[in-house]
PDB file of N, CA and C in Angstrom:
ATOM      1  N   MET A   1      -9.073 -10.996 -11.247  1.00  0.00           N
ATOM      2  CA  MET A   1      -8.373  -9.552 -10.735  1.00  0.00           C
ATOM      3  C   MET A   1      -7.501  -8.678 -12.225  1.00  0.00           C
ATOM      4  N   THR A   2      -8.122  -7.950 -13.096  1.00  0.00           N
ATOM      5  CA  THR A   2      -7.908  -7.312 -13.897  1.00  0.00           C
ATOM      6  C   THR A   2      -6.628  -5.893 -13.975  1.00  0.00           C
ATOM      7  N   SER A   3      -5.974  -6.024 -15.008  1.00  0.00           N
ATOM      8  CA  SER A   3      -4.880  -5.193 -14.820  1.00  0.00           C
ATOM      9  C   SER A   3      -5.274  -4.054 -14.704  1.00  0.00           C
ATOM     10  N   GLU A   4      -6.506  -3.678 -14.872  1.00  0.00           N
ATOM     11  CA  GLU A   4      -7.786  -2.230 -14.452  1.00  0.00           C
ATOM     12  C   GLU A   4      -7.567  -1.705 -13.225  1.00  0.00           C
ATOM     13  N   VAL A   5      -8.209  -3.253 -12.516  1.00  0.00           N
ATOM     14  CA  VAL A   5      -8.181  -3.210 -11.005  1.00  0.00           C
ATOM     15  C   VAL A   5      -6.956  -2.966 -10.093  1.00  0.00           C
ATOM     16  N   PHE A   6      -5.607  -3.574 -10.858  1.00  0.00           N
ATOM     17  CA  PHE A   6      -3.965  -3.300 -10.300  1.00  0.00           C
ATOM     18  C   PHE A   6      -4.245  -1.928 -10.723  1.00  0.00           C
ATOM     19  N   ARG A   7      -4.056  -1.509 -11.570  1.00  0.00           N
ATOM     20  CA  ARG A   7      -3.911  -0.290 -11.697  1.00  0.00           C
ATOM     21  C   ARG A   7      -4.658   0.982 -11.111  1.00  0.00           C
ATOM     22  N   THR A   8      -6.141   0.515 -10.851  1.00  0.00           N
ATOM     23  CA  THR A   8      -7.443   1.808  -9.660  1.00  0.00           C
ATOM     24  C   THR A   8      -5.651   1.299  -8.524  1.00  0.00           C
ATOM     25  N   LEU A   9      -6.077   0.070  -7.914  1.00  0.00           N
ATOM     26  CA  LEU A   9      -5.735   0.261  -6.489  1.00  0.00           C
ATOM     27  C   LEU A   9      -3.986   1.050  -6.488  1.00  0.00           C
ATOM     28  N   ALA A  10      -2.910   0.785  -7.552  1.00  0.00           N
ATOM     29  CA  ALA A  10      -2.246   1.299  -7.074  1.00  0.00           C
ATOM     30  C   ALA A  10      -2.280   3.069  -7.538  1.00  0.00           C
ATOM     31  N   LEU A  11      -2.896   3.282  -8.671  1.00  0.00           N
ATOM     32  CA  LEU A  11      -3.067   5.415  -8.423  1.00  0.00           C
ATOM     33  C   LEU A  11      -4.197   5.646  -6.893  1.00  0.00           C
ATOM     34  N   SER A  12      -4.843   4.807  -6.393  1.00  0.00           N
ATOM     35  CA  SER A  12      -5.094   5.209  -4.672  1.00  0.00           C
ATOM     36  C   SER A  12      -4.514   5.559  -4.052  1.00  0.00           C
ATOM     37  N   LEU A  13      -3.004   5.275  -4.359  1.00  0.00           N
ATOM     38  CA  LEU A  13      -1.844   5.350  -2.934  1.00  0.00           C
ATOM     39  C   LEU A  13      -1.495   7.010  -3.141  1.00  0.00           C
ATOM     40  N   PRO A  14      -1.123   7.584  -2.061  1.00  0.00           N
ATOM     41  CA  PRO A  14      -0.825   9.275  -2.504  1.00  0.00           C
ATOM     42  C   PRO A  14      -0.012   9.508  -3.501  1.00  0.00           C
ATOM     43  N   GLU A  15       0.119  10.793  -4.129  1.00  0.00           N
ATOM     44  CA  GLU A  15       0.761  11.235  -5.180  1.00  0.00           C
ATOM     45  C   GLU A  15       1.296   9.705  -5.807  1.00  0.00           C
ATOM     46  N   ALA A  16       0.268   9.218  -6.380  1.00  0.00           N
ATOM     47  CA  ALA A  16       1.374   7.833  -7.132  1.00  0.00           C
ATOM     48  C   ALA A  16       0.579   8.463  -8.399  1.00  0.00           C
ATOM     49  N   CYS A  17       1.234   8.079  -9.905  1.00  0.00           N
ATOM     50  CA  CYS A  17       0.683   8.554 -11.186  1.00  0.00           C
ATOM     51  C   CYS A  17       1.438   7.366 -11.573  1.00  0.00           C
ATOM     52  N   GLU A  18       0.895   7.421 -12.754  1.00  0.00           N
ATOM     53  CA  GLU A  18       1.652   6.375 -13.784  1.00  0.00           C
ATOM     54  C   GLU A  18       1.937   6.896 -15.060  1.00  0.00           C
ATOM     55  N   SER A  19       2.967   6.500 -15.214  1.00  0.00           N
ATOM     56  CA  SER A  19       4.474   6.870 -16.264  1.00  0.00           C
ATOM     57  C   SER A  19       4.589   5.235 -17.233  1.00  0.00           C
ATOM     58  N   ALA A  20       5.907   5.082 -17.913  1.00  0.00           N
ATOM     59  CA  ALA A  20       5.958   4.105 -18.571  1.00  0.00           C
ATOM     60  C   ALA A  20       7.558   3.649 -18.379  1.00  0.00           C
ATOM     61  N   HIS A  21       8.202   2.241 -18.958  1.00  0.00           N
ATOM     62  CA  HIS A  21       8.917   1.727 -18.624  1.00  0.00           C
ATOM     63  C   HIS A  21       9.004   1.262 -19.680  1.00  0.00           C
ATOM     64  N   MET A  22      10.295   1.034 -20.475  1.00  0.00           N
ATOM     65  CA  MET A  22      10.132  -0.111 -21.395  1.00  0.00           C
ATOM     66  C   MET A  22       8.813  -0.554 -22.087  1.00  0.00           C
ATOM     67  N   GLY A  23       8.711   0.466 -22.098  1.00  0.00           N
ATOM     68  CA  GLY A  23       7.043  -0.336 -23.076  1.00  0.00           C
ATOM     69  C   GLY A  23       6.437  -0.897 -22.537  1.00  0.00           C
ATOM     70  N   HIS A  24       6.291  -0.349 -20.815  1.00  0.00           N
ATOM     71  CA  HIS A  24       5.489  -0.872 -19.875  1.00  0.00           C
ATOM     72  C   HIS A  24       4.951   0.136 -18.848  1.00  0.00           C
ATOM     73  N   PRO A  25       3.417  -0.172 -18.671  1.00  0.00           N
ATOM     74  CA  PRO A  25       3.012   0.958 -17.665  1.00  0.00           C
ATOM     75  C   PRO A  25       3.601   0.656 -16.002  1.00  0.00           C
ATOM     76  N   ASP A  26       3.985   1.597 -15.538  1.00  0.00           N
ATOM     77  CA  ASP A  26       4.632   1.239 -14.222  1.00  0.00           C
ATOM     78  C   ASP A  26       4.114   2.407 -13.563  1.00  0.00           C
ATOM     79  N   PHE A  27       3.908   2.380 -11.859  1.00  0.00           N
ATOM     80  CA  PHE A  27       3.377   3.086 -11.110  1.00  0.00           C
ATOM     81  C   PHE A  27       4.496   4.043 -10.137  1.00  0.00           C
ATOM     82  N   ARG A  28       4.741   5.046 -10.117  1.00  0.00           N
ATOM     83  CA  ARG A  28       5.734   6.038  -9.595  1.00  0.00           C
ATOM     84  C   ARG A  28       5.046   6.901  -8.013  1.00  0.00           C
ATOM     85  N   VAL A  29       5.962   7.047  -7.505  1.00  0.00           N
ATOM     86  CA  VAL A  29       6.003   7.628  -6.242  1.00  0.00           C
ATOM     87  C   VAL A  29       6.738   9.207  -6.270  1.00  0.00           C
ATOM     88  N   ARG A  30       6.998   9.690  -6.685  1.00  0.00           N
ATOM     89  CA  ARG A  30       8.317  11.373  -6.131  1.00  0.00           C
ATOM     90  C   ARG A  30       9.160  10.509  -7.529  1.00  0.00           C
ATOM     91  N   GLY A  31       8.245   9.988  -8.185  1.00  0.00           N
ATOM     92  CA  GLY A  31       9.283   9.823  -9.703  1.00  0.00           C
ATOM     93  C   GLY A  31      10.395   8.287  -9.473  1.00  0.00           C
ATOM     94  N   LYS A  32      10.219   7.802  -8.093  1.00  0.00           N
ATOM     95  CA  LYS A  32      10.686   6.712  -8.123  1.00  0.00           C
ATOM     96  C   LYS A  32       9.403   5.052  -8.904  1.00  0.00           C
ATOM     97  N   ILE A  33       9.520   4.522  -9.208  1.00  0.00           N
ATOM     98  CA  ILE A  33       8.792   2.690  -9.182  1.00  0.00           C
ATOM     99  C   ILE A  33       8.286   2.211  -8.230  1.00  0.00           C
ATOM    100  N   PHE A  34       7.235   1.994  -7.841  1.00  0.00           N
ATOM    101  CA  PHE A  34       7.153   0.945  -7.406  1.00  0.00           C
ATOM    102  C   PHE A  34       6.283  -0.065  -7.664  1.00  0.00           C
ATOM    103  N   ALA A  35       6.045  -0.384  -8.767  1.00  0.00           N
ATOM    104  CA  ALA A  35       4.887  -1.208  -9.431  1.00  0.00           C
ATOM    105  C   ALA A  35       5.086  -1.217 -10.809  1.00  0.00           C
ATOM    106  N   THR A  36       4.614  -2.189 -11.726  1.00  0.00           N
ATOM    107  CA  THR A  36       4.776  -2.111 -13.456  1.00  0.00           C
ATOM    108  C   THR A  36       3.515  -3.245 -13.283  1.00  0.00           C
ATOM    109  N   LEU A  37       3.224  -2.890 -14.803  1.00  0.00           N
ATOM    110  CA  LEU A  37       1.961  -3.594 -15.398  1.00  0.00           C
ATOM    111  C   LEU A  37       2.956  -4.704 -16.599  1.00  0.00           C
ATOM    112  N   SER A  38       2.608  -5.451 -16.754  1.00  0.00           N
ATOM    113  CA  SER A  38       2.948  -5.839 -18.510  1.00  0.00           C
ATOM    114  C   SER A  38       2.018  -5.848 -19.104  1.00  0.00           C
ATOM    115  N   GLY A  39       2.857  -6.427 -20.356  1.00  0.00           N
ATOM    116  CA  GLY A  39       1.995  -5.932 -21.577  1.00  0.00           C
ATOM    117  C   GLY A  39       0.213  -6.155 -21.445  1.00  0.00           C
ATOM    118  N   PRO A  40      -0.436  -6.204 -22.469  1.00  0.00           N
ATOM    119  CA  PRO A  40      -2.069  -5.866 -22.622  1.00  0.00           C
ATOM    120  C   PRO A  40      -2.114  -7.770 -22.942  1.00  0.00           C
ATOM    121  N   SER A  41      -1.209  -8.109 -22.991  1.00  0.00           N
ATOM    122  CA  SER A  41      -1.690  -9.579 -23.276  1.00  0.00           C
ATOM    123  C   SER A  41      -1.719 -10.595 -22.164  1.00  0.00           C
ATOM    124  N   GLU A  42      -0.342  -9.982 -21.251  1.00  0.00           N
ATOM    125  CA  GLU A  42      -0.201 -11.022 -20.206  1.00  0.00           C
ATOM    126  C   GLU A  42      -1.317 -10.393 -18.526  1.00  0.00           C
ATOM    127  N   ALA A  43      -1.433 -11.770 -18.206  1.00  0.00           N
ATOM    128  CA  ALA A  43      -2.266 -10.891 -16.966  1.00  0.00           C
ATOM    129  C   ALA A  43      -1.167 -10.805 -15.201  1.00  0.00           C
ATOM    130  N   LEU A  44      -0.073  -9.901 -15.515  1.00  0.00           N
ATOM    131  CA  LEU A  44       1.409  -9.886 -14.587  1.00  0.00           C
ATOM    132  C   LEU A  44       1.466  -8.379 -14.307  1.00  0.00           C
ATOM    133  N   GLY A  45       1.628  -8.793 -13.354  1.00  0.00           N
ATOM    134  CA  GLY A  45       2.413  -6.931 -12.656  1.00  0.00           C
ATOM    135  C   GLY A  45       3.433  -7.300 -12.047  1.00  0.00           C
ATOM    136  N   MET A  46       4.034  -6.708 -10.995  1.00  0.00           N
ATOM    137  CA  MET A  46       5.280  -6.283 -10.041  1.00  0.00           C
ATOM    138  C   MET A  46       5.225  -5.152  -9.648  1.00  0.00           C
ATOM    139  N   VAL A  47       6.033  -5.855  -7.627  1.00  0.00           N
ATOM    140  CA  VAL A  47       5.831  -5.200  -7.081  1.00  0.00           C
ATOM    141  C   VAL A  47       7.392  -4.960  -6.502  1.00  0.00           C
ATOM    142  N   LYS A  48       7.920  -3.673  -5.915  1.00  0.00           N
ATOM    143  CA  LYS A  48       9.162  -3.937  -5.277  1.00  0.00           C
ATOM    144  C   LYS A  48       9.330  -3.852  -4.023  1.00  0.00           C
ATOM    145  N   LEU A  49       9.548  -5.045  -3.679  1.00  0.00           N
ATOM    146  CA  LEU A  49       9.577  -5.719  -2.537  1.00  0.00           C
ATOM    147  C   LEU A  49      11.079  -5.848  -1.516  1.00  0.00           C
ATOM    148  N   THR A  50      11.447  -6.127   0.109  1.00  0.00           N
ATOM    149  CA  THR A  50      12.524  -5.897  -0.190  1.00  0.00           C
ATOM    150  C   THR A  50      12.591  -7.662  -0.042  1.00  0.00           C
ATOM    151  N   PRO A  51      13.686  -8.035  -0.474  1.00  0.00           N
ATOM    152  CA  PRO A  51      13.895  -9.611  -0.056  1.00  0.00           C
ATOM    153  C   PRO A  51      13.426 -10.608   1.047  1.00  0.00           C
ATOM    154  N   GLU A  52      13.205  -9.925   1.798  1.00  0.00           N
ATOM    155  CA  GLU A  52      12.187 -10.664   3.316  1.00  0.00           C
ATOM    156  C   GLU A  52      10.876 -10.335   3.055  1.00  0.00           C
ATOM    157  N   GLN A  53      10.480  -9.149   2.355  1.00  0.00           N
ATOM    158  CA  GLN A  53       8.951  -9.038   2.183  1.00  0.00           C
ATOM    159  C   GLN A  53       8.422 -10.138   1.273  1.00  0.00           C
ATOM    160  N   GLN A  54       9.201 -10.131   0.334  1.00  0.00           N
ATOM    161  CA  GLN A  54       9.324 -11.342  -1.111  1.00  0.00           C
ATOM    162  C   GLN A  54       8.837 -12.217  -0.337  1.00  0.00           C
ATOM    163  N   GLN A  55       9.880 -13.285   0.204  1.00  0.00           N
ATOM    164  CA  GLN A  55       9.863 -14.074   1.072  1.00  0.00           C
ATOM    165  C   GLN A  55       8.318 -14.522   1.783  1.00  0.00           C
ATOM    166  N   LEU A  56       8.651 -13.556   2.475  1.00  0.00           N
ATOM    167  CA  LEU A  56       6.713 -13.713   3.151  1.00  0.00           C
ATOM    168  C   LEU A  56       5.496 -13.830   2.255  1.00  0.00           C
ATOM    169  N   TYR A  57       5.173 -13.320   1.132  1.00  0.00           N
ATOM    170  CA  TYR A  57       4.413 -12.845   0.539  1.00  0.00           C
ATOM    171  C   TYR A  57       4.352 -14.271  -0.235  1.00  0.00           C
ATOM    172  N   VAL A  58       5.846 -14.976  -1.291  1.00  0.00           N
ATOM    173  CA  VAL A  58       5.313 -15.851  -1.945  1.00  0.00           C
ATOM    174  C   VAL A  58       4.920 -17.280  -0.748  1.00  0.00           C
ATOM    175  N   ARG A  59       5.815 -17.090   0.789  1.00  0.00           N
ATOM    176  CA  ARG A  59       5.186 -18.610   1.178  1.00  0.00           C
ATOM    177  C   ARG A  59       3.896 -18.091   1.514  1.00  0.00           C
ATOM    178  N   ALA A  60       3.087 -17.153   1.615  1.00  0.00           N
ATOM    179  CA  ALA A  60       1.488 -16.879   2.461  1.00  0.00           C
ATOM    180  C   ALA A  60       0.486 -16.771   0.719  1.00  0.00           C
ATOM    181  N   GLU A  61       1.144 -16.619  -0.007  1.00  0.00           N
ATOM    182  CA  GLU A  61       0.048 -16.808  -1.113  1.00  0.00           C
ATOM    183  C   GLU A  61       1.329 -17.083  -2.807  1.00  0.00           C
ATOM    184  N   PRO A  62       1.595 -18.192  -2.383  1.00  0.00           N
ATOM    185  CA  PRO A  62       2.478 -18.550  -3.771  1.00  0.00           C
ATOM    186  C   PRO A  62       2.171 -18.762  -5.020  1.00  0.00           C
ATOM    187  N   LYS A  63       0.634 -18.776  -5.278  1.00  0.00           N
ATOM    188  CA  LYS A  63      -0.288 -18.721  -6.608  1.00  0.00           C
ATOM    189  C   LYS A  63      -0.597 -17.151  -6.942  1.00  0.00           C
ATOM    190  N   VAL A  64      -0.074 -16.625  -6.339  1.00  0.00           N
ATOM    191  CA  VAL A  64      -0.038 -14.999  -6.433  1.00  0.00           C
ATOM    192  C   VAL A  64       0.674 -14.283  -6.614  1.00  0.00           C
ATOM    193  N   PHE A  65       2.487 -14.305  -5.757  1.00  0.00           N
ATOM    194  CA  PHE A  65       3.128 -13.745  -5.897  1.00  0.00           C
ATOM    195  C   PHE A  65       4.253 -15.082  -5.843  1.00  0.00           C
ATOM    196  N   VAL A  66       5.146 -14.547  -7.155  1.00  0.00           N
ATOM    197  CA  VAL A  66       6.479 -14.712  -7.782  1.00  0.00           C
ATOM    198  C   VAL A  66       8.030 -14.285  -7.439  1.00  0.00           C
ATOM    199  N   PRO A  67       9.052 -14.844  -7.295  1.00  0.00           N
ATOM    200  CA  PRO A  67      10.036 -13.925  -7.624  1.00  0.00           C
ATOM    201  C   PRO A  67      10.200 -13.471  -9.200  1.00  0.00           C
ATOM    202  N   VAL A  68      10.852 -12.656  -9.683  1.00  0.00           N
ATOM    203  CA  VAL A  68      11.478 -12.053 -10.806  1.00  0.00           C
ATOM    204  C   VAL A  68      12.680 -12.880 -10.577  1.00  0.00           C
ATOM    205  N   LYS A  69      12.396 -13.444 -12.351  1.00  0.00           N
ATOM    206  CA  LYS A  69      13.976 -14.099 -12.190  1.00  0.00           C
ATOM    207  C   LYS A  69      15.298 -13.115 -12.342  1.00  0.00           C
ATOM    208  N   GLY A  70      16.401 -14.063 -12.001  1.00  0.00           N
ATOM    209  CA  GLY A  70      17.531 -13.202 -11.775  1.00  0.00           C
ATOM    210  C   GLY A  70      17.635 -12.348 -10.897  1.00  0.00           C
ATOM    211  N   GLY A  71      18.047 -10.903 -11.047  1.00  0.00           N
ATOM    212  CA  GLY A  71      18.897  -9.964 -10.258  1.00  0.00           C
ATOM    213  C   GLY A  71      17.980  -9.568  -9.391  1.00  0.00           C
ATOM    214  N   TRP A  72      16.876  -9.168 -10.333  1.00  0.00           N
ATOM    215  CA  TRP A  72      15.809  -7.936  -9.806  1.00  0.00           C
ATOM    216  C   TRP A  72      14.979  -8.911  -9.050  1.00  0.00           C
ATOM    217  N   GLY A  73      14.806 -10.518  -8.971  1.00  0.00           N
ATOM    218  CA  GLY A  73      13.909 -10.883  -8.214  1.00  0.00           C
ATOM    219  C   GLY A  73      14.527 -11.186  -6.838  1.00  0.00           C
ATOM    220  N   LEU A  74      15.919 -11.468  -7.025  1.00  0.00           N
ATOM    221  CA  LEU A  74      17.004 -11.241  -5.915  1.00  0.00           C
ATOM    222  C   LEU A  74      16.505 -10.281  -4.782  1.00  0.00           C
ATOM    223  N   LYS A  75      16.475  -9.153  -5.100  1.00  0.00           N
ATOM    224  CA  LYS A  75      16.506  -7.505  -4.886  1.00  0.00           C
ATOM    225  C   LYS A  75      14.942  -7.678  -4.647  1.00  0.00           C
ATOM    226  N   GLY A  76      14.056  -8.401  -4.668  1.00  0.00           N
ATOM    227  CA  GLY A  76      12.656  -8.368  -4.491  1.00  0.00           C
ATOM    228  C   GLY A  76      11.607  -8.790  -4.996  1.00  0.00           C
ATOM    229  N   ALA A  77      12.446  -7.858  -6.133  1.00  0.00           N
ATOM    230  CA  ALA A  77      11.296  -7.495  -7.276  1.00  0.00           C
ATOM    231  C   ALA A  77      10.538  -8.881  -7.438  1.00  0.00           C
ATOM    232  N   THR A  78       9.098  -8.867  -7.525  1.00  0.00           N
ATOM    233  CA  THR A  78       8.254  -9.475  -7.576  1.00  0.00           C
ATOM    234  C   THR A  78       6.755  -9.619  -8.135  1.00  0.00           C
ATOM    235  N   HIS A  79       6.428 -11.174  -8.960  1.00  0.00           N
ATOM    236  CA  HIS A  79       5.422 -11.016  -9.473  1.00  0.00           C
ATOM    237  C   HIS A  79       4.475 -10.810  -8.988  1.00  0.00           C
ATOM    238  N   VAL A  80       3.222 -10.238  -9.538  1.00  0.00           N
ATOM    239  CA  VAL A  80       2.094 -10.763  -9.141  1.00  0.00           C
ATOM    240  C   VAL A  80       0.875 -11.466 -10.655  1.00  0.00           C
ATOM    241  N   HIS A  81       0.606 -12.756 -10.211  1.00  0.00           N
ATOM    242  CA  HIS A  81      -0.187 -12.969 -10.820  1.00  0.00           C
ATOM    243  C   HIS A  81      -1.655 -13.003 -11.078  1.00  0.00           C
ATOM    244  N   LEU A  82      -2.308 -11.879 -11.487  1.00  0.00           N
ATOM    245  CA  LEU A  82      -3.614 -11.204 -11.206  1.00  0.00           C
ATOM    246  C   LEU A  82      -4.627 -12.380 -11.464  1.00  0.00           C
ATOM    247  N   GLU A  83      -4.388 -13.294 -12.188  1.00  0.00           N
ATOM    248  CA  GLU A  83      -5.473 -14.326 -13.288  1.00  0.00           C
ATOM    249  C   GLU A  83      -6.055 -14.777 -11.246  1.00  0.00           C
ATOM    250  N   ALA A  84      -4.879 -14.821 -10.125  1.00  0.00           N
ATOM    251  CA  ALA A  84      -5.533 -15.443  -9.210  1.00  0.00           C
ATOM    252  C   ALA A  84      -6.159 -14.860  -8.176  1.00  0.00           C
ATOM    253  N   ASP A  85      -6.530 -13.275  -8.561  1.00  0.00           N
ATOM    254  CA  ASP A  85      -8.113 -12.663  -8.085  1.00  0.00           C
ATOM    255  C   ASP A  85      -8.006 -12.506  -6.654  1.00  0.00           C
ATOM    256  N   ASP A  86      -6.627 -12.148  -6.107  1.00  0.00           N
ATOM    257  CA  ASP A  86      -6.874 -12.403  -4.629  1.00  0.00           C
ATOM    258  C   ASP A  86      -6.393 -10.815  -4.282  1.00  0.00           C
ATOM    259  N   GLU A  87      -7.416 -10.032  -4.597  1.00  0.00           N
ATOM    260  CA  GLU A  87      -7.435  -8.485  -4.157  1.00  0.00           C
ATOM    261  C   GLU A  87      -6.592  -7.947  -2.652  1.00  0.00           C
ATOM    262  N   ALA A  88      -7.525  -8.113  -1.357  1.00  0.00           N
ATOM    263  CA  ALA A  88      -6.710  -7.956  -0.621  1.00  0.00           C
ATOM    264  C   ALA A  88      -4.937  -8.593  -0.234  1.00  0.00           C
ATOM    265  N   SER A  89      -4.526  -9.410  -0.947  1.00  0.00           N
ATOM    266  CA  SER A  89      -3.169  -9.665  -1.002  1.00  0.00           C
ATOM    267  C   SER A  89      -2.655  -8.661  -2.061  1.00  0.00           C
ATOM    268  N   VAL A  90      -3.034  -8.532  -3.420  1.00  0.00           N
ATOM    269  CA  VAL A  90      -2.486  -7.315  -4.181  1.00  0.00           C
ATOM    270  C   VAL A  90      -2.497  -6.214  -3.172  1.00  0.00           C
ATOM    271  N   ARG A  91      -3.373  -5.868  -2.716  1.00  0.00           N
ATOM    272  CA  ARG A  91      -3.462  -4.444  -2.468  1.00  0.00           C
ATOM    273  C   ARG A  91      -2.247  -4.412  -1.497  1.00  0.00           C
ATOM    274  N   SER A  92      -2.565  -5.378  -0.596  1.00  0.00           N
ATOM    275  CA  SER A  92      -1.316  -5.101   0.365  1.00  0.00           C
ATOM    276  C   SER A  92      -0.227  -5.032   0.125  1.00  0.00           C
ATOM    277  N   ALA A  93       0.021  -5.841  -0.914  1.00  0.00           N
ATOM    278  CA  ALA A  93       1.773  -5.696  -1.687  1.00  0.00           C
ATOM    279  C   ALA A  93       2.515  -4.661  -2.009  1.00  0.00           C
ATOM    280  N   LEU A  94       1.159  -3.745  -2.939  1.00  0.00           N
ATOM    281  CA  LEU A  94       1.100  -2.778  -3.747  1.00  0.00           C
ATOM    282  C   LEU A  94       1.308  -1.523  -2.572  1.00  0.00           C
ATOM    283  N   MET A  95       0.702  -1.643  -1.131  1.00  0.00           N
ATOM    284  CA  MET A  95       0.916  -0.391  -0.072  1.00  0.00           C
ATOM    285  C   MET A  95       2.817  -1.053   0.211  1.00  0.00           C
ATOM    286  N   THR A  96       2.904  -2.102   0.663  1.00  0.00           N
ATOM    287  CA  THR A  96       4.326  -2.157   1.061  1.00  0.00           C
ATOM    288  C   THR A  96       5.210  -1.702   0.075  1.00  0.00           C
ATOM    289  N   ALA A  97       5.120  -2.172  -1.339  1.00  0.00           N
ATOM    290  CA  ALA A  97       5.957  -1.732  -2.230  1.00  0.00           C
ATOM    291  C   ALA A  97       6.181   0.081  -2.315  1.00  0.00           C
ATOM    292  N   TRP A  98       4.741   0.606  -2.507  1.00  0.00           N
ATOM    293  CA  TRP A  98       4.288   1.924  -2.215  1.00  0.00           C
ATOM    294  C   TRP A  98       5.435   2.286  -1.050  1.00  0.00           C
ATOM    295  N   ARG A  99       5.158   1.728   0.265  1.00  0.00           N
ATOM    296  CA  ARG A  99       5.821   2.226   1.064  1.00  0.00           C
ATOM    297  C   ARG A  99       7.343   2.347   1.342  1.00  0.00           C
ATOM    298  N   ASN A 100       7.375   1.271   0.791  1.00  0.00           N
ATOM    299  CA  ASN A 100       9.150   1.029   0.334  1.00  0.00           C
ATOM    300  C   ASN A 100       9.832   2.147  -0.535  1.00  0.00           C
ATOM    301  N   THR A 101       8.858   3.009  -0.911  1.00  0.00           N
ATOM    302  CA  THR A 101       9.510   3.858  -2.302  1.00  0.00           C
ATOM    303  C   THR A 101       8.969   5.030  -2.122  1.00  0.00           C
ATOM    304  N   ALA A 102       7.894   5.632  -1.562  1.00  0.00           N
ATOM    305  CA  ALA A 102       7.926   6.822  -1.245  1.00  0.00           C
ATOM    306  C   ALA A 102       9.108   7.435   0.232  1.00  0.00           C
ATOM    307  N   PRO A 103       8.903   8.917  -0.266  1.00  0.00           N
ATOM    308  CA  PRO A 103      10.260   9.224   0.666  1.00  0.00           C
ATOM    309  C   PRO A 103       9.467   8.427   2.268  1.00  0.00           C
ATOM    310  N   LYS A 104       9.866   8.898   3.227  1.00  0.00           N
ATOM    311  CA  LYS A 104       9.733   8.643   4.433  1.00  0.00           C
ATOM    312  C   LYS A 104       8.902   9.052   5.334  1.00  0.00           C
ATOM    313  N   LYS A 105       8.873  10.605   4.945  1.00  0.00           N
ATOM    314  CA  LYS A 105       7.643  11.170   5.648  1.00  0.00           C
ATOM    315  C   LYS A 105       6.338  11.056   5.402  1.00  0.00           C
ATOM    316  N   LEU A 106       6.491  10.617   3.664  1.00  0.00           N
ATOM    317  CA  LEU A 106       4.917  10.141   3.217  1.00  0.00           C
ATOM    318  C   LEU A 106       4.813   9.316   3.558  1.00  0.00           C
ATOM    319  N   ALA A 107       5.415   8.380   3.542  1.00  0.00           N
ATOM    320  CA  ALA A 107       5.219   7.276   3.715  1.00  0.00           C
ATOM    321  C   ALA A 107       4.377   7.191   5.632  1.00  0.00           C
ATOM    322  N   GLU A 108       4.974   7.574   5.855  1.00  0.00           N
ATOM    323  CA  GLU A 108       4.781   7.902   7.657  1.00  0.00           C
ATOM    324  C   GLU A 108       3.067   8.100   7.741  1.00  0.00           C
ATOM    325  N   ASP A 109       2.821   9.401   7.107  1.00  0.00           N
ATOM    326  CA  ASP A 109       1.233   9.950   6.789  1.00  0.00           C
ATOM    327  C   ASP A 109      -0.028   9.027   6.591  1.00  0.00           C
ATOM    328  N   LEU A 110       1.113   7.422   5.834  1.00  0.00           N
ATOM    329  CA  LEU A 110      -0.391   6.668   5.342  1.00  0.00           C
ATOM    330  C   LEU A 110      -0.630   6.207   6.198  1.00  0.00           C
ATOM    331  N   GLN A 111      -2.110   6.028   6.648  1.00  0.00           N
ATOM    332  CA  GLN A 111      -2.318   4.603   7.259  1.00  0.00           C
ATOM    333  C   GLN A 111      -3.139   3.692   6.773  1.00  0.00           C
ATOM    334  N   SER A 112      -3.007   2.402   7.492  1.00  0.00           N
ATOM    335  CA  SER A 112      -3.331   1.207   6.605  1.00  0.00           C
ATOM    336  C   SER A 112      -4.783   1.491   6.190  1.00  0.00           C
ATOM    337  N   GLU A 113      -5.516   2.321   6.797  1.00  0.00           N
ATOM    338  CA  GLU A 113      -6.615   2.402   6.927  1.00  0.00           C
ATOM    339  C   GLU A 113      -7.767   3.600   5.743  1.00  0.00           C
ATOM    340  N   ASP A 114      -6.930   3.603   5.259  1.00  0.00           N
ATOM    341  CA  ASP A 114      -6.693   5.086   4.150  1.00  0.00           C
ATOM    342  C   ASP A 114      -6.850   4.283   3.040  1.00  0.00           C
ATOM    343  N   PHE A 115      -6.240   3.172   2.958  1.00  0.00           N
ATOM    344  CA  PHE A 115      -5.801   2.433   1.403  1.00  0.00           C
ATOM    345  C   PHE A 115      -6.812   1.141   1.353  1.00  0.00           C
TER     346      PHE A 115
END
């Protein structure tokens, strides 16, 4: 998977937009970050999961998902290794991160088949 595919998947979610944070592209829903991309030289993304969700993703796909080091990782921030090329798992993680971040009513309106 390329960073462009990650970007396309993230931006396909309702009301998602691209911005920047600390020099890296990020993806937001109503102003709140749910995912980021590293610089162009790195094939690495990040999704904001809960610690419990992070454990499930890491356990299921350890070559794709790795906790971010430090405090952010303990709170659920999870690296996505794009070179692992597992679009279905990344799509699922992006949707989960988006649902965690979106306002409750907007998240309830999204059905799995819409993404």
